[in-house]
N, C-alpha and C. Protein backbone atom coordinates (compact mmCIF):
# COMPACT_ATOMS: atom_id res chain seq x y z
N MET A 1 45.31 15.83 4.26
CA MET A 1 45.15 14.43 4.55
C MET A 1 46.52 13.75 4.53
N SER A 2 46.82 13.05 5.59
CA SER A 2 48.11 12.38 5.71
C SER A 2 47.90 10.87 5.65
N THR A 3 48.61 10.23 4.74
CA THR A 3 48.54 8.78 4.62
C THR A 3 49.91 8.21 4.89
N THR A 4 49.95 7.27 5.80
CA THR A 4 51.20 6.61 6.12
C THR A 4 51.33 5.35 5.28
N ILE A 5 52.44 5.25 4.58
CA ILE A 5 52.71 4.06 3.79
C ILE A 5 53.76 3.26 4.54
N LYS A 6 53.41 2.01 4.83
CA LYS A 6 54.33 1.15 5.56
C LYS A 6 54.83 0.05 4.64
N VAL A 7 56.12 -0.22 4.72
CA VAL A 7 56.70 -1.32 3.96
C VAL A 7 57.11 -2.42 4.93
N LEU A 8 57.01 -3.64 4.45
CA LEU A 8 57.37 -4.80 5.24
C LEU A 8 58.61 -5.45 4.63
N ARG A 9 59.63 -5.61 5.43
CA ARG A 9 60.79 -6.39 4.99
C ARG A 9 60.40 -7.86 5.12
N THR A 10 61.21 -8.74 4.60
CA THR A 10 60.88 -10.15 4.57
C THR A 10 60.55 -10.69 5.95
N LYS A 11 61.34 -10.37 6.96
CA LYS A 11 61.08 -10.90 8.31
C LYS A 11 59.76 -10.37 8.86
N ASP A 12 59.40 -9.14 8.52
CA ASP A 12 58.11 -8.58 8.96
C ASP A 12 56.95 -9.25 8.23
N LEU A 13 57.14 -9.53 6.95
CA LEU A 13 56.12 -10.22 6.16
C LEU A 13 55.88 -11.63 6.72
N ILE A 14 56.96 -12.33 7.03
CA ILE A 14 56.86 -13.67 7.61
C ILE A 14 56.05 -13.62 8.91
N ALA A 15 56.34 -12.66 9.75
CA ALA A 15 55.62 -12.52 11.02
C ALA A 15 54.15 -12.17 10.80
N LYS A 16 53.88 -11.35 9.81
CA LYS A 16 52.50 -10.91 9.57
C LYS A 16 51.62 -12.03 9.02
N ILE A 17 52.13 -12.79 8.06
CA ILE A 17 51.27 -13.80 7.43
C ILE A 17 51.49 -15.21 7.98
N GLY A 18 52.53 -15.39 8.78
CA GLY A 18 52.76 -16.69 9.41
C GLY A 18 53.19 -17.79 8.46
N MET A 19 53.90 -17.41 7.41
CA MET A 19 54.40 -18.40 6.45
C MET A 19 55.92 -18.32 6.38
N ALA A 20 56.53 -19.43 5.97
CA ALA A 20 57.99 -19.49 5.87
C ALA A 20 58.48 -18.70 4.65
N ARG A 21 59.72 -18.27 4.75
CA ARG A 21 60.36 -17.55 3.65
C ARG A 21 60.30 -18.36 2.36
N SER A 22 60.56 -19.67 2.45
CA SER A 22 60.56 -20.51 1.24
C SER A 22 59.17 -20.56 0.59
N THR A 23 58.12 -20.56 1.39
CA THR A 23 56.76 -20.54 0.85
C THR A 23 56.48 -19.25 0.12
N ILE A 24 56.88 -18.14 0.71
CA ILE A 24 56.68 -16.83 0.09
C ILE A 24 57.37 -16.78 -1.27
N TYR A 25 58.61 -17.24 -1.33
CA TYR A 25 59.32 -17.19 -2.60
C TYR A 25 58.81 -18.22 -3.59
N ASP A 26 58.23 -19.33 -3.11
CA ASP A 26 57.53 -20.25 -4.01
C ASP A 26 56.32 -19.58 -4.63
N TRP A 27 55.57 -18.84 -3.84
CA TRP A 27 54.40 -18.13 -4.36
C TRP A 27 54.79 -17.14 -5.44
N LEU A 28 55.99 -16.56 -5.32
CA LEU A 28 56.44 -15.56 -6.28
C LEU A 28 57.06 -16.16 -7.54
N ASP A 29 57.47 -17.41 -7.49
CA ASP A 29 58.18 -18.06 -8.59
C ASP A 29 57.20 -18.69 -9.58
N PRO A 30 57.11 -18.15 -10.80
CA PRO A 30 56.18 -18.71 -11.78
C PRO A 30 56.47 -20.17 -12.14
N LYS A 31 57.69 -20.63 -11.90
CA LYS A 31 58.05 -22.01 -12.21
C LYS A 31 57.67 -22.98 -11.09
N SER A 32 57.29 -22.46 -9.95
CA SER A 32 56.93 -23.30 -8.81
C SER A 32 55.49 -23.81 -8.95
N PRO A 33 55.26 -25.05 -8.55
CA PRO A 33 53.87 -25.54 -8.56
C PRO A 33 52.99 -24.82 -7.53
N ARG A 34 53.62 -24.13 -6.59
CA ARG A 34 52.87 -23.38 -5.58
C ARG A 34 52.75 -21.89 -5.92
N HIS A 35 53.08 -21.53 -7.14
CA HIS A 35 53.02 -20.12 -7.57
C HIS A 35 51.63 -19.55 -7.34
N ASP A 36 51.59 -18.33 -6.79
CA ASP A 36 50.32 -17.63 -6.56
C ASP A 36 50.42 -16.27 -7.24
N CYS A 37 49.78 -16.15 -8.39
CA CYS A 37 49.87 -14.90 -9.16
C CYS A 37 49.18 -13.74 -8.45
N THR A 38 48.38 -14.01 -7.42
CA THR A 38 47.70 -12.94 -6.69
C THR A 38 48.55 -12.38 -5.55
N PHE A 39 49.64 -13.08 -5.20
CA PHE A 39 50.47 -12.62 -4.09
C PHE A 39 51.20 -11.34 -4.49
N PRO A 40 51.22 -10.35 -3.60
CA PRO A 40 51.87 -9.07 -3.94
C PRO A 40 53.35 -9.23 -4.31
N LYS A 41 53.74 -8.48 -5.29
CA LYS A 41 55.14 -8.50 -5.75
C LYS A 41 55.99 -7.60 -4.86
N PRO A 42 57.19 -8.05 -4.53
CA PRO A 42 58.09 -7.20 -3.74
C PRO A 42 58.77 -6.16 -4.63
N PHE A 43 59.40 -5.20 -3.99
CA PHE A 43 60.21 -4.24 -4.71
C PHE A 43 61.54 -4.10 -3.99
N LYS A 44 62.55 -3.67 -4.71
CA LYS A 44 63.90 -3.54 -4.16
C LYS A 44 64.00 -2.30 -3.27
N ILE A 45 64.62 -2.48 -2.11
CA ILE A 45 64.91 -1.33 -1.24
C ILE A 45 66.42 -1.23 -0.99
N GLY A 46 67.15 -2.11 -1.61
CA GLY A 46 68.61 -2.13 -1.50
C GLY A 46 69.15 -3.14 -2.49
N LYS A 47 70.44 -3.30 -2.48
CA LYS A 47 71.08 -4.21 -3.44
C LYS A 47 70.54 -5.63 -3.32
N SER A 48 70.33 -6.10 -2.11
CA SER A 48 69.82 -7.47 -1.92
C SER A 48 68.65 -7.51 -0.95
N SER A 49 67.91 -6.42 -0.86
CA SER A 49 66.78 -6.36 0.08
C SER A 49 65.48 -6.08 -0.67
N ASN A 50 64.45 -6.84 -0.29
CA ASN A 50 63.12 -6.65 -0.86
C ASN A 50 62.17 -6.17 0.22
N ALA A 51 61.08 -5.57 -0.23
CA ALA A 51 60.03 -5.15 0.70
C ALA A 51 58.70 -5.24 -0.02
N TRP A 52 57.64 -5.27 0.77
CA TRP A 52 56.27 -5.29 0.25
C TRP A 52 55.52 -4.14 0.88
N PHE A 53 54.60 -3.54 0.14
CA PHE A 53 53.73 -2.54 0.73
C PHE A 53 52.72 -3.27 1.62
N GLU A 54 52.59 -2.81 2.86
CA GLU A 54 51.70 -3.47 3.79
C GLU A 54 50.26 -3.44 3.30
N HIS A 55 49.83 -2.35 2.66
CA HIS A 55 48.45 -2.29 2.19
C HIS A 55 48.18 -3.34 1.10
N ASP A 56 49.20 -3.67 0.27
CA ASP A 56 49.03 -4.73 -0.72
C ASP A 56 48.88 -6.09 -0.05
N VAL A 57 49.67 -6.33 0.98
CA VAL A 57 49.60 -7.59 1.72
C VAL A 57 48.26 -7.70 2.43
N ASP A 58 47.81 -6.62 3.04
CA ASP A 58 46.50 -6.62 3.72
C ASP A 58 45.38 -6.94 2.73
N ARG A 59 45.43 -6.32 1.56
CA ARG A 59 44.41 -6.57 0.53
C ARG A 59 44.43 -8.04 0.11
N TRP A 60 45.63 -8.61 -0.08
CA TRP A 60 45.77 -10.00 -0.46
C TRP A 60 45.20 -10.92 0.63
N LEU A 61 45.47 -10.61 1.89
CA LEU A 61 44.94 -11.42 2.99
C LEU A 61 43.42 -11.40 3.00
N ILE A 62 42.83 -10.23 2.77
CA ILE A 62 41.37 -10.11 2.76
C ILE A 62 40.79 -10.93 1.61
N LEU A 63 41.36 -10.79 0.43
CA LEU A 63 40.87 -11.53 -0.73
C LEU A 63 41.01 -13.04 -0.52
N ARG A 64 42.11 -13.45 0.09
CA ARG A 64 42.35 -14.87 0.34
C ARG A 64 41.34 -15.43 1.34
N SER A 65 40.98 -14.63 2.34
CA SER A 65 40.04 -15.10 3.34
C SER A 65 38.62 -15.21 2.78
N GLN A 66 38.34 -14.52 1.68
CA GLN A 66 37.02 -14.55 1.08
C GLN A 66 36.87 -15.70 0.08
N SER A 67 37.96 -16.36 -0.25
CA SER A 67 37.91 -17.45 -1.24
C SER A 67 37.44 -18.74 -0.60
């Protein structure tokens, strides 16, 4: 069984969910009034580069649409 794991860089995440970079980072910031603890956490792929697992983002989108 072969499973492909896809990662999304910030620009790909923006295109996928249709939200601005600032909104995404507000969702991640616990000090922000727009913080969303359900939003998937990024991981480092370089010194100053983050990425998200696409399957985590897909799951978050599904859960959000059901709310």
